[in-house]
Amino acid sequence: MVERTRRDPPRVSTDRHPALRRRAKRVRPAPDLPAGIRVVPRDQEEAIVDFGDRQVKLTNLRKPFWPALGITKGDLIQYYVDVATVLLPHLRDRAMVMKRYPDGAAGPFFFMKRAPQPRPDWIEICAIEHASGNVIDFPIIQDLPALLWVINLGCIDLNQWYARCDDVDRPDYLHFDLDPGDGVAFAKVIECALILHETLAGLDMPVHAKTTGSKGMHLYVPIVRGPTQKQVWQVAKTVALEVARRHPTLMTAEYRLAKRPTGRVLIDYNQNAWGRTLASVYSVRPHPRACVSTPVTWREVARGLEVEDFRIDNVPARVRRRGDLWAPLLAAEGRIDLARFS
C-alpha cells in the first residue's frame, strides 16, 4: 500500500481510498468489568479506571449532561460500561467519527474526525485517504479502555464507518434511515418500516431494525463484502425510490429538502454514501429523554413502540435480559450477496 504525503498532488476521485491501520502499543486484552456494578463514582469529579497496563482518566464526572433528568457525564460513561459487551463487537476495526458535546445533550456539539493529540499510545488508528489526497487519522474503538477514552471526550453517540479499516470502500451492510418530517407521527415510521421489511423480505434480504434514539428507525441488511460503497448506495437508492413510488402519500425518497413533500417519512438512502455514518446500535442520543438507539424485533415493531421506550436508564437491563438482538449483523452466515442484483 502506497502512503502519501501532504506534498503529493490530489488524487483523482475514485471508488478506492487507501487506508492504513496503525496498531497500538502491544498491551494485554482489557479485562471485562462486572456487569451491573457501578464503576464510575457519583461523588467524584475525576477517577482513574485501571486495566492493568492501561489506565483511563475520567474527568468532569458530575457535570450535568441531562440536567432535567439528573443524568451526569459519569452516568453516561457508566451506561457504556454496562452495554460494552454487546456494543464493542459492532465498533471494532471501524473508523470512528467523534461527535462531541462538551456542555451536555442540550448544548452545542462539533464533529471531530482526527484522533486528538495527546492521546494514549494504545489507541489504534485508521488512517484513511480522502479524494482530496488528505489523510485523516480516525480512532478505532477496539476495547473498553478505548471506549471510555472516547466517551470521556464528551461523545454522547457513536458514529462508526460502515466498512472495516482493512477495506474502507467495501461495507458490511446497507441500510435505510427512516426519518419522519415535521409533524409526522411515529406510527407512520412504523408503517413505513413494515412495508420496507416486507419488500426486502420479498428480495430474500434479511433486515434488522432499531430505533434511532432520535425520532425515526434504522433498517440494516447484512451483506457479503465485495461491492463498493457506491454500488451499495445504488442498490439502496433503487429500493428506496421504488418503495416510495408505490406509497407516495406515506413516504418519499426525495433528499432535497426544498422539493421534499411534507407529511411524509423520508427513506434516506444517501446515508449509504462513502464517508457518511449513522449513530451506532446502543448509542445514547442527545434526546431530551436520553434515548438509546436500540435493536428491536419485528414482533415489537408490529405491536407498536415509541423511541422513548428505550432510554439510558432501562436499556442495560433489556440487554441483560435479551442479549444482542443485532448479533446477526456480525455473523458470517445469513448475509445477502448484492452481486445478484447487478
C-alpha atoms as a PDB file:
ATOM      1  CA  MET A   1       0.000   0.000   0.000  1.00  0.00           C
ATOM      2  CA  VAL A   2       1.417   3.369  -1.025  1.00  0.00           C
ATOM      3  CA  GLU A   3       1.376   6.084   1.610  1.00  0.00           C
ATOM      4  CA  ARG A   4       1.092   9.687   0.514  1.00  0.00           C
ATOM      5  CA  THR A   5       2.497  12.859   1.975  1.00  0.00           C
ATOM      6  CA  ARG A   6       0.935  16.286   2.222  1.00  0.00           C
ATOM      7  CA  ARG A   7       3.142  17.411  -0.689  1.00  0.00           C
ATOM      8  CA  ASP A   8       1.683  14.867  -3.082  1.00  0.00           C
ATOM      9  CA  PRO A   9      -0.813  16.235  -5.641  1.00  0.00           C
ATOM     10  CA  PRO A  10      -4.505  15.487  -5.051  1.00  0.00           C
ATOM     11  CA  ARG A  11      -5.556  12.130  -6.428  1.00  0.00           C
ATOM     12  CA  VAL A  12      -8.467  11.666  -8.807  1.00  0.00           C
ATOM     13  CA  SER A  13     -11.677  10.771  -7.013  1.00  0.00           C
ATOM     14  CA  THR A  14     -12.407   7.060  -7.470  1.00  0.00           C
ATOM     15  CA  ASP A  15     -14.114   4.263  -5.569  1.00  0.00           C
ATOM     16  CA  ARG A  16     -10.798   3.311  -3.988  1.00  0.00           C
ATOM     17  CA  HIS A  17      -9.492   5.061  -0.889  1.00  0.00           C
ATOM     18  CA  PRO A  18      -6.270   3.705   0.628  1.00  0.00           C
ATOM     19  CA  ALA A  19      -6.388   3.131   4.369  1.00  0.00           C
ATOM     20  CA  LEU A  20      -3.745   2.102   6.843  1.00  0.00           C
ATOM     21  CA  ARG A  21      -4.464   0.599  10.241  1.00  0.00           C
ATOM     22  CA  ARG A  22      -1.870   1.730  12.759  1.00  0.00           C
ATOM     23  CA  ARG A  23      -1.770  -0.796  15.503  1.00  0.00           C
ATOM     24  CA  ALA A  24      -1.422   0.450  19.019  1.00  0.00           C
ATOM     25  CA  LYS A  25       1.260  -0.323  21.543  1.00  0.00           C
ATOM     26  CA  ARG A  26       1.069  -4.016  22.359  1.00  0.00           C
ATOM     27  CA  VAL A  27      -0.975  -4.479  25.520  1.00  0.00           C
ATOM     28  CA  ARG A  28      -2.827  -7.295  27.189  1.00  0.00           C
ATOM     29  CA  PRO A  29      -6.552  -7.595  26.439  1.00  0.00           C
ATOM     30  CA  ALA A  30      -8.635  -5.424  28.758  1.00  0.00           C
ATOM     31  CA  PRO A  31     -10.475  -7.426  31.412  1.00  0.00           C
ATOM     32  CA  ASP A  32     -14.254  -7.386  31.417  1.00  0.00           C
ATOM     33  CA  LEU A  33     -15.772  -5.297  34.170  1.00  0.00           C
ATOM     34  CA  PRO A  34     -18.608  -6.843  36.181  1.00  0.00           C
ATOM     35  CA  ALA A  35     -21.998  -6.154  34.566  1.00  0.00           C
ATOM     36  CA  GLY A  36     -24.461  -4.139  36.609  1.00  0.00           C
ATOM     37  CA  ILE A  37     -21.817  -2.871  39.039  1.00  0.00           C
ATOM     38  CA  ARG A  38     -21.132   0.847  39.382  1.00  0.00           C
ATOM     39  CA  VAL A  39     -17.620   1.532  38.112  1.00  0.00           C
ATOM     40  CA  VAL A  40     -17.821   5.298  37.720  1.00  0.00           C
ATOM     41  CA  PRO A  41     -18.117   7.081  41.095  1.00  0.00           C
ATOM     42  CA  ARG A  42     -21.011   9.515  41.607  1.00  0.00           C
ATOM     43  CA  ASP A  43     -19.331  11.599  44.281  1.00  0.00           C
ATOM     44  CA  GLN A  44     -16.080  12.467  42.473  1.00  0.00           C
ATOM     45  CA  GLU A  45     -15.191  14.857  39.677  1.00  0.00           C
ATOM     46  CA  GLU A  46     -12.396  12.635  38.418  1.00  0.00           C
ATOM     47  CA  ALA A  47     -11.481   8.971  38.553  1.00  0.00           C
ATOM     48  CA  ILE A  48      -8.954   6.574  37.058  1.00  0.00           C
ATOM     49  CA  VAL A  49     -10.162   3.198  35.811  1.00  0.00           C
ATOM     50  CA  ASP A  50      -7.324   0.681  35.952  1.00  0.00           C
ATOM     51  CA  PHE A  51      -6.978  -2.000  33.272  1.00  0.00           C
ATOM     52  CA  GLY A  52      -3.589  -3.282  34.379  1.00  0.00           C
ATOM     53  CA  ASP A  53      -1.163  -1.920  31.817  1.00  0.00           C
ATOM     54  CA  ARG A  54      -3.633   0.806  30.842  1.00  0.00           C
ATOM     55  CA  GLN A  55      -5.365   3.480  32.856  1.00  0.00           C
ATOM     56  CA  VAL A  56      -8.168   5.740  31.654  1.00  0.00           C
ATOM     57  CA  LYS A  57      -8.604   9.074  33.385  1.00  0.00           C
ATOM     58  CA  LEU A  58     -12.237  10.192  33.551  1.00  0.00           C
ATOM     59  CA  THR A  59     -12.974  13.877  34.116  1.00  0.00           C
ATOM     60  CA  ASN A  60     -15.929  16.173  34.919  1.00  0.00           C
ATOM     61  CA  LEU A  61     -17.949  13.200  36.077  1.00  0.00           C
ATOM     62  CA  ARG A  62     -20.524  15.252  37.989  1.00  0.00           C
ATOM     63  CA  LYS A  63     -21.162  17.631  35.115  1.00  0.00           C
ATOM     64  CA  PRO A  64     -24.900  17.620  34.219  1.00  0.00           C
ATOM     65  CA  PHE A  65     -25.417  16.210  30.717  1.00  0.00           C
ATOM     66  CA  TRP A  66     -29.219  15.994  31.034  1.00  0.00           C
ATOM     67  CA  PRO A  67     -29.916  18.439  33.906  1.00  0.00           C
ATOM     68  CA  ALA A  68     -33.699  17.916  33.874  1.00  0.00           C
ATOM     69  CA  LEU A  69     -33.195  14.157  34.299  1.00  0.00           C
ATOM     70  CA  GLY A  70     -30.347  14.404  36.789  1.00  0.00           C
ATOM     71  CA  ILE A  71     -28.060  12.492  34.422  1.00  0.00           C
ATOM     72  CA  THR A  72     -24.381  13.385  34.590  1.00  0.00           C
ATOM     73  CA  LYS A  73     -21.430  12.730  32.349  1.00  0.00           C
ATOM     74  CA  GLY A  74     -20.438   9.998  34.783  1.00  0.00           C
ATOM     75  CA  ASP A  75     -23.839   8.323  34.330  1.00  0.00           C
ATOM     76  CA  LEU A  76     -23.321   8.382  30.560  1.00  0.00           C
ATOM     77  CA  ILE A  77     -19.921   6.724  30.897  1.00  0.00           C
ATOM     78  CA  GLN A  78     -21.366   4.116  33.264  1.00  0.00           C
ATOM     79  CA  TYR A  79     -24.088   3.301  30.725  1.00  0.00           C
ATOM     80  CA  TYR A  80     -21.433   2.486  28.137  1.00  0.00           C
ATOM     81  CA  VAL A  81     -19.631   0.279  30.657  1.00  0.00           C
ATOM     82  CA  ASP A  82     -22.904  -1.592  31.196  1.00  0.00           C
ATOM     83  CA  VAL A  83     -23.523  -2.289  27.478  1.00  0.00           C
ATOM     84  CA  ALA A  84     -19.903  -2.668  26.362  1.00  0.00           C
ATOM     85  CA  THR A  85     -20.123  -6.443  25.903  1.00  0.00           C
ATOM     86  CA  VAL A  86     -22.784  -6.157  23.186  1.00  0.00           C
ATOM     87  CA  LEU A  87     -21.648  -2.790  21.798  1.00  0.00           C
ATOM     88  CA  LEU A  88     -17.936  -3.336  21.207  1.00  0.00           C
ATOM     89  CA  PRO A  89     -18.247  -6.082  18.553  1.00  0.00           C
ATOM     90  CA  HIS A  90     -20.190  -3.601  16.383  1.00  0.00           C
ATOM     91  CA  LEU A  91     -17.422  -0.984  16.662  1.00  0.00           C
ATOM     92  CA  ARG A  92     -14.211  -2.995  16.349  1.00  0.00           C
ATOM     93  CA  ASP A  93     -11.931  -2.421  13.362  1.00  0.00           C
ATOM     94  CA  ARG A  94     -14.009   0.556  12.158  1.00  0.00           C
ATOM     95  CA  ALA A  95     -13.001   4.209  11.974  1.00  0.00           C
ATOM     96  CA  MET A  96     -14.947   6.363  14.434  1.00  0.00           C
ATOM     97  CA  VAL A  97     -16.237   9.882  13.800  1.00  0.00           C
ATOM     98  CA  MET A  98     -16.410  11.677  17.139  1.00  0.00           C
ATOM     99  CA  LYS A  99     -19.376  13.937  17.852  1.00  0.00           C
ATOM    100  CA  ARG A 100     -18.537  15.898  20.981  1.00  0.00           C
ATOM    101  CA  TYR A 101     -20.961  17.634  23.338  1.00  0.00           C
ATOM    102  CA  PRO A 102     -18.762  19.479  25.848  1.00  0.00           C
ATOM    103  CA  ASP A 103     -21.779  21.037  27.625  1.00  0.00           C
ATOM    104  CA  GLY A 104     -24.141  18.104  27.551  1.00  0.00           C
ATOM    105  CA  ALA A 105     -27.024  16.940  25.361  1.00  0.00           C
ATOM    106  CA  ALA A 106     -28.708  20.339  25.006  1.00  0.00           C
ATOM    107  CA  GLY A 107     -25.512  22.243  24.304  1.00  0.00           C
ATOM    108  CA  PRO A 108     -23.613  22.856  21.083  1.00  0.00           C
ATOM    109  CA  PHE A 109     -21.698  19.990  19.504  1.00  0.00           C
ATOM    110  CA  PHE A 110     -18.951  19.583  16.961  1.00  0.00           C
ATOM    111  CA  PHE A 111     -17.638  16.752  14.827  1.00  0.00           C
ATOM    112  CA  MET A 112     -14.040  15.626  15.142  1.00  0.00           C
ATOM    113  CA  LYS A 113     -12.577  13.105  12.735  1.00  0.00           C
ATOM    114  CA  ARG A 114      -8.907  13.191  13.685  1.00  0.00           C
ATOM    115  CA  ALA A 115      -7.957  11.456  16.912  1.00  0.00           C
ATOM    116  CA  PRO A 116      -6.790  14.299  19.170  1.00  0.00           C
ATOM    117  CA  GLN A 117      -3.263  14.664  20.486  1.00  0.00           C
ATOM    118  CA  PRO A 118      -2.035  13.942  23.043  1.00  0.00           C
ATOM    119  CA  ARG A 119      -3.674  10.529  23.226  1.00  0.00           C
ATOM    120  CA  PRO A 120      -2.769   7.196  24.819  1.00  0.00           C
ATOM    121  CA  ASP A 121      -0.314   5.143  22.779  1.00  0.00           C
ATOM    122  CA  TRP A 122      -2.702   2.182  22.950  1.00  0.00           C
ATOM    123  CA  ILE A 123      -5.414   3.888  20.851  1.00  0.00           C
ATOM    124  CA  GLU A 124      -5.492   2.297  17.398  1.00  0.00           C
ATOM    125  CA  ILE A 125      -5.784   4.489  14.313  1.00  0.00           C
ATOM    126  CA  CYS A 126      -7.381   4.015  10.903  1.00  0.00           C
ATOM    127  CA  ALA A 127      -5.659   6.453   8.539  1.00  0.00           C
ATOM    128  CA  ILE A 128      -7.985   6.987   5.557  1.00  0.00           C
ATOM    129  CA  GLU A 129      -7.051   8.847   2.401  1.00  0.00           C
ATOM    130  CA  HIS A 130      -9.871  11.006   1.047  1.00  0.00           C
ATOM    131  CA  ALA A 131     -10.429  12.087  -2.564  1.00  0.00           C
ATOM    132  CA  SER A 132      -8.553  15.329  -1.929  1.00  0.00           C
ATOM    133  CA  GLY A 133      -5.446  13.353  -1.006  1.00  0.00           C
ATOM    134  CA  ASN A 134      -5.872  14.374   2.626  1.00  0.00           C
ATOM    135  CA  VAL A 135      -5.213  11.542   5.090  1.00  0.00           C
ATOM    136  CA  ILE A 136      -7.287  11.579   8.287  1.00  0.00           C
ATOM    137  CA  ASP A 137      -6.337   9.582  11.380  1.00  0.00           C
ATOM    138  CA  PHE A 138      -9.598   8.237  12.792  1.00  0.00           C
ATOM    139  CA  PRO A 139      -9.590   6.470  16.167  1.00  0.00           C
ATOM    140  CA  ILE A 140     -10.761   2.860  16.382  1.00  0.00           C
ATOM    141  CA  ILE A 141     -12.637   1.610  19.448  1.00  0.00           C
ATOM    142  CA  GLN A 142     -11.239  -1.873  19.964  1.00  0.00           C
ATOM    143  CA  ASP A 143     -11.970  -2.446  23.640  1.00  0.00           C
ATOM    144  CA  LEU A 144     -13.402  -0.977  26.822  1.00  0.00           C
ATOM    145  CA  PRO A 145     -10.472   1.350  27.633  1.00  0.00           C
ATOM    146  CA  ALA A 146     -10.714   2.923  24.168  1.00  0.00           C
ATOM    147  CA  LEU A 147     -14.489   3.226  24.535  1.00  0.00           C
ATOM    148  CA  LEU A 148     -14.163   5.028  27.869  1.00  0.00           C
ATOM    149  CA  TRP A 149     -11.472   7.314  26.454  1.00  0.00           C
ATOM    150  CA  VAL A 150     -13.745   8.387  23.574  1.00  0.00           C
ATOM    151  CA  ILE A 151     -16.845   8.900  25.739  1.00  0.00           C
ATOM    152  CA  ASN A 152     -14.798  10.926  28.217  1.00  0.00           C
ATOM    153  CA  LEU A 153     -14.126  13.384  25.365  1.00  0.00           C
ATOM    154  CA  GLY A 154     -17.829  14.278  25.561  1.00  0.00           C
ATOM    155  CA  CYS A 155     -19.097  11.931  22.850  1.00  0.00           C
ATOM    156  CA  ILE A 156     -22.733  11.076  23.589  1.00  0.00           C
ATOM    157  CA  ASP A 157     -23.395   8.969  20.498  1.00  0.00           C
ATOM    158  CA  LEU A 158     -21.018   6.834  18.470  1.00  0.00           C
ATOM    159  CA  ASN A 159     -20.739   7.054  14.693  1.00  0.00           C
ATOM    160  CA  GLN A 160     -18.584   4.348  13.150  1.00  0.00           C
ATOM    161  CA  TRP A 161     -17.867   3.641   9.468  1.00  0.00           C
ATOM    162  CA  TYR A 162     -19.880   1.023   7.580  1.00  0.00           C
ATOM    163  CA  ALA A 163     -16.720  -0.654   6.288  1.00  0.00           C
ATOM    164  CA  ARG A 164     -13.855  -2.044   8.338  1.00  0.00           C
ATOM    165  CA  CYS A 165     -10.427  -0.463   8.173  1.00  0.00           C
ATOM    166  CA  ASP A 166      -8.897  -3.266   6.097  1.00  0.00           C
ATOM    167  CA  ASP A 167     -11.029  -2.054   3.156  1.00  0.00           C
ATOM    168  CA  VAL A 168     -12.903   1.172   3.813  1.00  0.00           C
ATOM    169  CA  ASP A 169     -14.600   1.050   0.398  1.00  0.00           C
ATOM    170  CA  ARG A 170     -16.452  -2.245   0.896  1.00  0.00           C
ATOM    171  CA  PRO A 171     -19.115  -2.133   3.632  1.00  0.00           C
ATOM    172  CA  ASP A 172     -20.649  -4.976   5.600  1.00  0.00           C
ATOM    173  CA  TYR A 173     -24.246  -3.805   5.271  1.00  0.00           C
ATOM    174  CA  LEU A 174     -26.611  -1.448   3.534  1.00  0.00           C
ATOM    175  CA  HIS A 175     -29.256   0.439   5.448  1.00  0.00           C
ATOM    176  CA  PHE A 176     -32.225   2.774   5.314  1.00  0.00           C
ATOM    177  CA  ASP A 177     -32.730   5.726   7.648  1.00  0.00           C
ATOM    178  CA  LEU A 178     -36.464   6.321   8.133  1.00  0.00           C
ATOM    179  CA  ASP A 179     -36.731   9.992   9.038  1.00  0.00           C
ATOM    180  CA  PRO A 180     -40.194  11.466   9.698  1.00  0.00           C
ATOM    181  CA  GLY A 181     -40.858  15.003   8.511  1.00  0.00           C
ATOM    182  CA  ASP A 182     -42.124  17.721  10.812  1.00  0.00           C
ATOM    183  CA  GLY A 183     -45.395  16.761  12.452  1.00  0.00           C
ATOM    184  CA  VAL A 184     -45.291  13.166  11.191  1.00  0.00           C
ATOM    185  CA  ALA A 185     -46.324  10.698  13.914  1.00  0.00           C
ATOM    186  CA  PHE A 186     -44.005   7.821  14.800  1.00  0.00           C
ATOM    187  CA  ALA A 187     -46.835   5.434  13.886  1.00  0.00           C
ATOM    188  CA  LYS A 188     -46.144   6.346  10.246  1.00  0.00           C
ATOM    189  CA  VAL A 189     -42.487   5.465  10.706  1.00  0.00           C
ATOM    190  CA  ILE A 190     -43.593   2.039  11.934  1.00  0.00           C
ATOM    191  CA  GLU A 191     -45.916   1.647   8.957  1.00  0.00           C
ATOM    192  CA  CYS A 192     -43.092   2.573   6.614  1.00  0.00           C
ATOM    193  CA  ALA A 193     -40.702   0.151   8.363  1.00  0.00           C
ATOM    194  CA  LEU A 194     -43.143  -2.749   7.998  1.00  0.00           C
ATOM    195  CA  ILE A 195     -43.670  -2.040   4.296  1.00  0.00           C
ATOM    196  CA  LEU A 196     -39.936  -1.820   3.669  1.00  0.00           C
ATOM    197  CA  HIS A 197     -39.385  -5.007   5.679  1.00  0.00           C
ATOM    198  CA  GLU A 198     -41.928  -6.843   3.524  1.00  0.00           C
ATOM    199  CA  THR A 199     -40.324  -5.512   0.344  1.00  0.00           C
ATOM    200  CA  LEU A 200     -36.813  -6.535   1.381  1.00  0.00           C
ATOM    201  CA  ALA A 201     -38.005  -9.944   2.571  1.00  0.00           C
ATOM    202  CA  GLY A 202     -39.502 -10.416  -0.904  1.00  0.00           C
ATOM    203  CA  LEU A 203     -35.989  -9.906  -2.255  1.00  0.00           C
ATOM    204  CA  ASP A 204     -34.662 -12.525   0.200  1.00  0.00           C
ATOM    205  CA  MET A 205     -32.863  -9.781   2.123  1.00  0.00           C
ATOM    206  CA  PRO A 206     -32.562 -10.291   5.886  1.00  0.00           C
ATOM    207  CA  VAL A 207     -33.359  -6.986   7.576  1.00  0.00           C
ATOM    208  CA  HIS A 208     -32.879  -5.882  11.172  1.00  0.00           C
ATOM    209  CA  ALA A 209     -34.483  -2.875  12.824  1.00  0.00           C
ATOM    210  CA  LYS A 210     -33.509  -0.461  15.550  1.00  0.00           C
ATOM    211  CA  THR A 211     -34.840   2.808  16.833  1.00  0.00           C
ATOM    212  CA  THR A 212     -32.618   5.767  16.061  1.00  0.00           C
ATOM    213  CA  GLY A 213     -32.906   7.138  19.594  1.00  0.00           C
ATOM    214  CA  SER A 214     -33.928  10.403  17.948  1.00  0.00           C
ATOM    215  CA  LYS A 215     -37.215  10.295  16.020  1.00  0.00           C
ATOM    216  CA  GLY A 216     -37.039   7.531  13.436  1.00  0.00           C
ATOM    217  CA  MET A 217     -35.848   4.000  12.727  1.00  0.00           C
ATOM    218  CA  HIS A 218     -32.849   2.376  11.048  1.00  0.00           C
ATOM    219  CA  LEU A 219     -33.170  -0.780   8.945  1.00  0.00           C
ATOM    220  CA  TYR A 220     -29.946  -2.692   8.214  1.00  0.00           C
ATOM    221  CA  VAL A 221     -29.277  -5.513   5.756  1.00  0.00           C
ATOM    222  CA  PRO A 222     -26.088  -7.573   6.323  1.00  0.00           C
ATOM    223  CA  ILE A 223     -24.297  -8.094   3.016  1.00  0.00           C
ATOM    224  CA  VAL A 224     -21.370 -10.084   1.678  1.00  0.00           C
ATOM    225  CA  ARG A 225     -18.379  -7.774   1.400  1.00  0.00           C
ATOM    226  CA  GLY A 226     -17.435  -7.133  -2.196  1.00  0.00           C
ATOM    227  CA  PRO A 227     -19.443  -4.306  -3.744  1.00  0.00           C
ATOM    228  CA  THR A 228     -18.020  -0.828  -3.298  1.00  0.00           C
ATOM    229  CA  GLN A 229     -19.777   1.728  -1.154  1.00  0.00           C
ATOM    230  CA  LYS A 230     -21.064   3.415  -4.323  1.00  0.00           C
ATOM    231  CA  GLN A 231     -22.559   0.151  -5.569  1.00  0.00           C
ATOM    232  CA  VAL A 232     -24.223  -0.456  -2.204  1.00  0.00           C
ATOM    233  CA  TRP A 233     -25.590   3.097  -2.311  1.00  0.00           C
ATOM    234  CA  GLN A 234     -27.032   2.409  -5.773  1.00  0.00           C
ATOM    235  CA  VAL A 235     -28.905  -0.699  -4.569  1.00  0.00           C
ATOM    236  CA  ALA A 236     -30.308   1.202  -1.580  1.00  0.00           C
ATOM    237  CA  LYS A 237     -31.348   4.065  -3.873  1.00  0.00           C
ATOM    238  CA  THR A 238     -33.128   1.734  -6.284  1.00  0.00           C
ATOM    239  CA  VAL A 239     -35.111   0.100  -3.485  1.00  0.00           C
ATOM    240  CA  ALA A 240     -35.958   3.393  -1.796  1.00  0.00           C
ATOM    241  CA  LEU A 241     -37.182   5.053  -4.992  1.00  0.00           C
ATOM    242  CA  GLU A 242     -39.375   2.103  -5.903  1.00  0.00           C
ATOM    243  CA  VAL A 243     -40.956   1.735  -2.461  1.00  0.00           C
ATOM    244  CA  ALA A 244     -41.591   5.473  -2.242  1.00  0.00           C
ATOM    245  CA  ARG A 245     -43.158   5.417  -5.705  1.00  0.00           C
ATOM    246  CA  ARG A 246     -45.598   2.738  -4.576  1.00  0.00           C
ATOM    247  CA  HIS A 247     -46.560   4.620  -1.399  1.00  0.00           C
ATOM    248  CA  PRO A 248     -46.459   8.305  -2.366  1.00  0.00           C
ATOM    249  CA  THR A 249     -48.759   9.550   0.393  1.00  0.00           C
ATOM    250  CA  LEU A 250     -46.777   7.853   3.170  1.00  0.00           C
ATOM    251  CA  MET A 251     -43.118   8.150   2.220  1.00  0.00           C
ATOM    252  CA  THR A 252     -40.651   9.918  -0.021  1.00  0.00           C
ATOM    253  CA  ALA A 253     -37.102   9.322  -1.228  1.00  0.00           C
ATOM    254  CA  GLU A 254     -36.605  12.984  -2.212  1.00  0.00           C
ATOM    255  CA  TYR A 255     -33.399  14.022  -0.492  1.00  0.00           C
ATOM    256  CA  ARG A 256     -33.568  17.703  -1.451  1.00  0.00           C
ATOM    257  CA  LEU A 257     -35.437  19.489   1.317  1.00  0.00           C
ATOM    258  CA  ALA A 258     -36.833  22.195  -0.984  1.00  0.00           C
ATOM    259  CA  LYS A 259     -38.513  19.559  -3.185  1.00  0.00           C
ATOM    260  CA  ARG A 260     -39.483  17.105  -0.476  1.00  0.00           C
ATOM    261  CA  PRO A 261     -43.250  16.774   0.052  1.00  0.00           C
ATOM    262  CA  THR A 262     -44.452  17.473   3.586  1.00  0.00           C
ATOM    263  CA  GLY A 263     -46.134  14.962   5.864  1.00  0.00           C
ATOM    264  CA  ARG A 264     -44.019  12.035   4.666  1.00  0.00           C
ATOM    265  CA  VAL A 265     -41.396   9.692   6.059  1.00  0.00           C
ATOM    266  CA  LEU A 266     -38.096  10.116   4.229  1.00  0.00           C
ATOM    267  CA  ILE A 267     -36.423   6.868   3.173  1.00  0.00           C
ATOM    268  CA  ASP A 268     -32.900   8.224   3.365  1.00  0.00           C
ATOM    269  CA  TYR A 269     -30.669   6.051   1.197  1.00  0.00           C
ATOM    270  CA  ASN A 270     -27.997   8.742   0.860  1.00  0.00           C
ATOM    271  CA  GLN A 271     -26.525   7.846   4.238  1.00  0.00           C
ATOM    272  CA  ASN A 272     -25.025   4.858   2.388  1.00  0.00           C
ATOM    273  CA  ALA A 273     -22.634   7.215   0.582  1.00  0.00           C
ATOM    274  CA  TRP A 274     -18.911   6.912   1.230  1.00  0.00           C
ATOM    275  CA  GLY A 275     -17.776   8.571   4.448  1.00  0.00           C
ATOM    276  CA  ARG A 276     -21.291   9.001   5.882  1.00  0.00           C
ATOM    277  CA  THR A 277     -22.218   7.487   9.232  1.00  0.00           C
ATOM    278  CA  LEU A 278     -25.270   6.799  11.367  1.00  0.00           C
ATOM    279  CA  ALA A 279     -25.488   6.508  15.132  1.00  0.00           C
ATOM    280  CA  SER A 280     -24.365   3.049  16.212  1.00  0.00           C
ATOM    281  CA  VAL A 281     -26.581   0.456  17.756  1.00  0.00           C
ATOM    282  CA  TYR A 282     -26.734   1.004  21.558  1.00  0.00           C
ATOM    283  CA  SER A 283     -25.676   4.662  21.153  1.00  0.00           C
ATOM    284  CA  VAL A 284     -27.201   7.147  23.535  1.00  0.00           C
ATOM    285  CA  ARG A 285     -28.598  10.133  21.653  1.00  0.00           C
ATOM    286  CA  PRO A 286     -28.888  13.797  22.700  1.00  0.00           C
ATOM    287  CA  HIS A 287     -32.654  13.357  23.067  1.00  0.00           C
ATOM    288  CA  PRO A 288     -34.399  15.163  25.960  1.00  0.00           C
ATOM    289  CA  ARG A 289     -35.239  11.742  27.445  1.00  0.00           C
ATOM    290  CA  ALA A 290     -31.712  10.338  26.953  1.00  0.00           C
ATOM    291  CA  CYS A 291     -32.990   7.773  24.454  1.00  0.00           C
ATOM    292  CA  VAL A 292     -30.857   4.973  23.056  1.00  0.00           C
ATOM    293  CA  SER A 293     -30.649   3.592  19.527  1.00  0.00           C
ATOM    294  CA  THR A 294     -31.948   0.135  20.365  1.00  0.00           C
ATOM    295  CA  PRO A 295     -32.411  -3.054  18.322  1.00  0.00           C
ATOM    296  CA  VAL A 296     -35.990  -4.303  18.279  1.00  0.00           C
ATOM    297  CA  THR A 297     -37.725  -7.395  16.962  1.00  0.00           C
ATOM    298  CA  TRP A 298     -40.217  -7.225  14.126  1.00  0.00           C
ATOM    299  CA  ARG A 299     -42.862  -8.506  16.523  1.00  0.00           C
ATOM    300  CA  GLU A 300     -42.212  -5.484  18.726  1.00  0.00           C
ATOM    301  CA  VAL A 301     -42.408  -3.187  15.705  1.00  0.00           C
ATOM    302  CA  ALA A 302     -45.738  -4.686  14.580  1.00  0.00           C
ATOM    303  CA  ARG A 303     -47.143  -4.432  18.099  1.00  0.00           C
ATOM    304  CA  GLY A 304     -46.192  -0.766  18.307  1.00  0.00           C
ATOM    305  CA  LEU A 305     -43.452   1.077  20.135  1.00  0.00           C
ATOM    306  CA  GLU A 306     -42.036   4.562  20.685  1.00  0.00           C
ATOM    307  CA  VAL A 307     -38.498   5.924  20.551  1.00  0.00           C
ATOM    308  CA  GLU A 308     -38.891   6.987  24.190  1.00  0.00           C
ATOM    309  CA  ASP A 309     -39.436   3.356  25.260  1.00  0.00           C
ATOM    310  CA  PHE A 310     -35.663   2.798  25.132  1.00  0.00           C
ATOM    311  CA  ARG A 311     -33.550   5.014  27.376  1.00  0.00           C
ATOM    312  CA  ILE A 312     -30.257   5.171  29.185  1.00  0.00           C
ATOM    313  CA  ASP A 313     -31.993   4.018  32.379  1.00  0.00           C
ATOM    314  CA  ASN A 314     -33.606   0.833  31.018  1.00  0.00           C
ATOM    315  CA  VAL A 315     -31.604  -0.421  28.027  1.00  0.00           C
ATOM    316  CA  PRO A 316     -28.836  -2.105  30.100  1.00  0.00           C
ATOM    317  CA  ALA A 317     -31.469  -4.271  31.816  1.00  0.00           C
ATOM    318  CA  ARG A 318     -33.028  -5.076  28.432  1.00  0.00           C
ATOM    319  CA  VAL A 319     -29.627  -6.149  27.124  1.00  0.00           C
ATOM    320  CA  ARG A 320     -29.024  -8.398  30.136  1.00  0.00           C
ATOM    321  CA  ARG A 321     -32.440  -9.950  29.578  1.00  0.00           C
ATOM    322  CA  ARG A 322     -32.445 -10.316  25.790  1.00  0.00           C
ATOM    323  CA  GLY A 323     -28.810 -10.266  24.747  1.00  0.00           C
ATOM    324  CA  ASP A 324     -27.665  -8.670  21.490  1.00  0.00           C
ATOM    325  CA  LEU A 325     -30.590  -8.728  19.077  1.00  0.00           C
ATOM    326  CA  TRP A 326     -28.218  -7.425  16.398  1.00  0.00           C
ATOM    327  CA  ALA A 327     -25.762 -10.315  16.663  1.00  0.00           C
ATOM    328  CA  PRO A 328     -26.792 -11.448  13.124  1.00  0.00           C
ATOM    329  CA  LEU A 329     -25.153  -8.273  11.769  1.00  0.00           C
ATOM    330  CA  LEU A 330     -21.829  -9.726  12.956  1.00  0.00           C
ATOM    331  CA  ALA A 331     -22.287 -13.296  11.717  1.00  0.00           C
ATOM    332  CA  ALA A 332     -20.578 -14.688   8.618  1.00  0.00           C
ATOM    333  CA  GLU A 333     -23.666 -16.619   7.582  1.00  0.00           C
ATOM    334  CA  GLY A 334     -27.006 -15.152   6.573  1.00  0.00           C
ATOM    335  CA  ARG A 335     -25.551 -12.282   4.515  1.00  0.00           C
ATOM    336  CA  ILE A 336     -27.034 -11.291   1.167  1.00  0.00           C
ATOM    337  CA  ASP A 337     -24.837 -11.184  -1.926  1.00  0.00           C
ATOM    338  CA  LEU A 338     -25.646  -7.963  -3.786  1.00  0.00           C
ATOM    339  CA  ALA A 339     -23.977  -9.331  -6.918  1.00  0.00           C
ATOM    340  CA  ARG A 340     -27.282 -10.978  -7.743  1.00  0.00           C
ATOM    341  CA  PHE A 341     -28.857  -7.522  -8.189  1.00  0.00           C
ATOM    342  CA  SER A 342     -26.241  -6.190 -10.603  1.00  0.00           C
END
